[in-house]
Amino acid sequence: MDNAILSAAFITLLNVLVLFIAMGLVGRARGKYGIKAPACSGHEQFECAYRAHMNTVEQTVMFLPVLWIASLTGFMLWAHWLGAAWVVGRIWYVLGYNKAASARSGGFLLSFLAFIGLFVLSAIGVYQNMH
């Protein structure tokens, strides 16, 4: 199998693991604070866990396409490291947000910058491969 595909697949799998952990933290917070489904509010710590998970889901929708496009259009190594940075940023974000809303900023910034890098590489890669 092509290295670019394996690399992007590995980062994608890590992303799934981050989503799974975030989902588990929401479930744990539901039980701890007595928030019955389908409620999405109630206790501030539950809301932090819920928003950390939902924001990561929202970011994943944009992250995965640019990870794969950058990987498959000639930027495999950069895509791998930016993808890894995005995953680390999301872990930092989720764990920070679960402690306190104010502790999420560093992780958000890291994952946002990694996303921007992947977006730029994707645009360059698509452009170069069209010409």
Protein backbone atom coordinates (compact mmCIF):
# COMPACT_ATOMS: atom_id res chain seq x y z
CA MET A 1 0.00 0.00 0.00
CA ASP A 2 1.19 3.52 -0.78
CA ASN A 3 2.95 5.34 2.11
CA ALA A 4 0.75 8.42 1.68
CA ILE A 5 -2.35 6.31 2.15
CA LEU A 6 -0.92 4.52 5.18
CA SER A 7 0.16 7.77 6.77
CA ALA A 8 -3.21 9.45 6.27
CA ALA A 9 -4.98 6.28 7.44
CA PHE A 10 -2.89 6.23 10.64
CA ILE A 11 -3.71 9.88 11.44
CA THR A 12 -7.38 9.21 10.62
CA LEU A 13 -7.37 6.30 13.07
CA LEU A 14 -5.87 8.54 15.76
CA ASN A 15 -8.63 11.06 15.05
CA VAL A 16 -11.23 8.34 15.61
CA LEU A 17 -9.55 7.53 18.94
CA VAL A 18 -9.74 11.20 20.00
CA LEU A 19 -13.45 11.27 19.12
CA PHE A 20 -14.01 8.05 21.08
CA ILE A 21 -12.26 9.47 24.16
CA ALA A 22 -14.23 12.72 23.92
CA MET A 23 -17.47 10.73 23.60
CA GLY A 24 -16.54 8.71 26.68
CA LEU A 25 -15.90 11.88 28.66
CA VAL A 26 -19.38 13.13 27.71
CA GLY A 27 -20.92 9.83 28.84
CA ARG A 28 -19.02 9.96 32.11
CA ALA A 29 -20.13 13.55 32.71
CA ARG A 30 -23.76 12.60 31.97
CA GLY A 31 -23.62 9.98 34.70
CA LYS A 32 -21.66 12.09 37.18
CA TYR A 33 -23.94 15.13 36.89
CA GLY A 34 -27.23 13.32 36.23
CA ILE A 35 -27.83 14.75 32.76
CA LYS A 36 -30.37 12.48 31.06
CA ALA A 37 -30.40 12.17 27.26
CA PRO A 38 -31.39 14.00 25.15
CA ALA A 39 -30.53 17.02 27.35
CA CYS A 40 -27.40 18.89 26.30
CA SER A 41 -27.22 21.31 29.18
CA GLY A 42 -27.46 21.33 32.93
CA HIS A 43 -24.16 21.29 34.80
CA GLU A 44 -21.29 23.50 33.60
CA GLN A 45 -18.75 20.64 33.63
CA PHE A 46 -21.07 18.48 31.54
CA GLU A 47 -21.48 21.33 29.07
CA CYS A 48 -17.69 21.66 28.80
CA ALA A 49 -17.35 17.94 28.04
CA TYR A 50 -20.21 18.11 25.55
CA ARG A 51 -18.82 21.18 23.74
CA ALA A 52 -15.30 19.68 23.61
CA HIS A 53 -16.74 16.62 21.90
CA MET A 54 -19.03 18.53 19.54
CA ASN A 55 -16.32 21.01 18.56
CA THR A 56 -13.97 18.13 17.79
CA VAL A 57 -16.65 16.51 15.62
CA GLU A 58 -17.15 19.85 13.84
CA GLN A 59 -13.41 20.27 13.28
CA THR A 60 -13.00 16.67 12.09
CA VAL A 61 -15.37 17.34 9.19
CA MET A 62 -12.91 19.94 7.85
CA PHE A 63 -9.68 18.26 8.99
CA LEU A 64 -10.03 14.86 7.32
CA PRO A 65 -10.52 16.11 3.75
CA VAL A 66 -7.48 18.41 3.86
CA LEU A 67 -5.37 15.71 5.52
CA TRP A 68 -6.16 13.27 2.71
CA ILE A 69 -5.88 15.82 -0.10
CA ALA A 70 -2.49 17.07 1.13
CA SER A 71 -1.29 13.48 1.59
CA LEU A 72 -2.34 12.34 -1.86
CA THR A 73 -1.22 15.41 -3.83
CA GLY A 74 2.47 15.30 -2.94
CA PHE A 75 2.79 16.53 0.62
CA MET A 76 2.71 13.24 2.53
CA LEU A 77 5.45 14.05 5.06
CA TRP A 78 4.12 17.52 5.84
CA ALA A 79 0.57 16.19 6.01
CA HIS A 80 1.65 13.47 8.42
CA TRP A 81 3.31 15.87 10.84
CA LEU A 82 0.59 18.52 10.57
CA GLY A 83 -2.01 15.79 11.05
CA ALA A 84 -0.16 14.55 14.13
CA ALA A 85 -0.02 18.13 15.44
CA TRP A 86 -3.77 18.45 14.86
CA VAL A 87 -4.39 15.26 16.87
CA VAL A 88 -2.15 16.45 19.72
CA GLY A 89 -3.93 19.81 19.68
CA ARG A 90 -7.33 18.13 19.83
CA ILE A 91 -6.28 15.92 22.75
CA TRP A 92 -4.98 19.01 24.55
CA TYR A 93 -8.22 20.84 23.71
CA VAL A 94 -10.54 18.04 24.87
CA LEU A 95 -8.68 17.36 28.12
CA GLY A 96 -8.27 21.07 28.82
CA TYR A 97 -11.92 21.87 28.15
CA ASN A 98 -12.94 19.02 30.45
CA LYS A 99 -10.96 20.69 33.25
CA ALA A 100 -12.14 24.27 32.61
CA ALA A 101 -13.40 26.24 29.62
CA SER A 102 -10.42 28.58 29.93
CA ALA A 103 -7.95 25.67 29.52
CA ARG A 104 -8.94 24.89 25.93
CA SER A 105 -7.20 27.74 24.09
CA GLY A 106 -3.72 26.26 23.58
CA GLY A 107 -5.07 23.04 22.12
CA PHE A 108 -7.47 24.92 19.89
CA LEU A 109 -4.68 27.14 18.57
CA LEU A 110 -2.38 24.19 17.81
CA SER A 111 -5.08 22.25 15.96
CA PHE A 112 -6.24 25.39 14.12
CA LEU A 113 -2.72 26.20 12.88
CA ALA A 114 -2.23 22.58 11.78
CA PHE A 115 -5.53 22.74 9.90
CA ILE A 116 -4.53 25.97 8.14
CA GLY A 117 -1.24 24.36 7.10
CA LEU A 118 -3.07 21.35 5.70
CA PHE A 119 -5.56 23.56 3.90
CA VAL A 120 -2.78 25.55 2.22
CA LEU A 121 -0.90 22.38 1.23
CA SER A 122 -4.12 20.89 -0.14
CA ALA A 123 -4.78 23.95 -2.26
CA ILE A 124 -1.21 23.95 -3.58
CA GLY A 125 -1.33 20.20 -4.23
CA VAL A 126 -4.60 20.37 -6.12
CA TYR A 127 -3.37 23.34 -8.15
CA GLN A 128 -0.07 21.65 -9.02
CA ASN A 129 -1.78 18.41 -10.01
CA MET A 130 -4.24 20.23 -12.26
CA HIS A 131 -1.45 21.77 -14.34
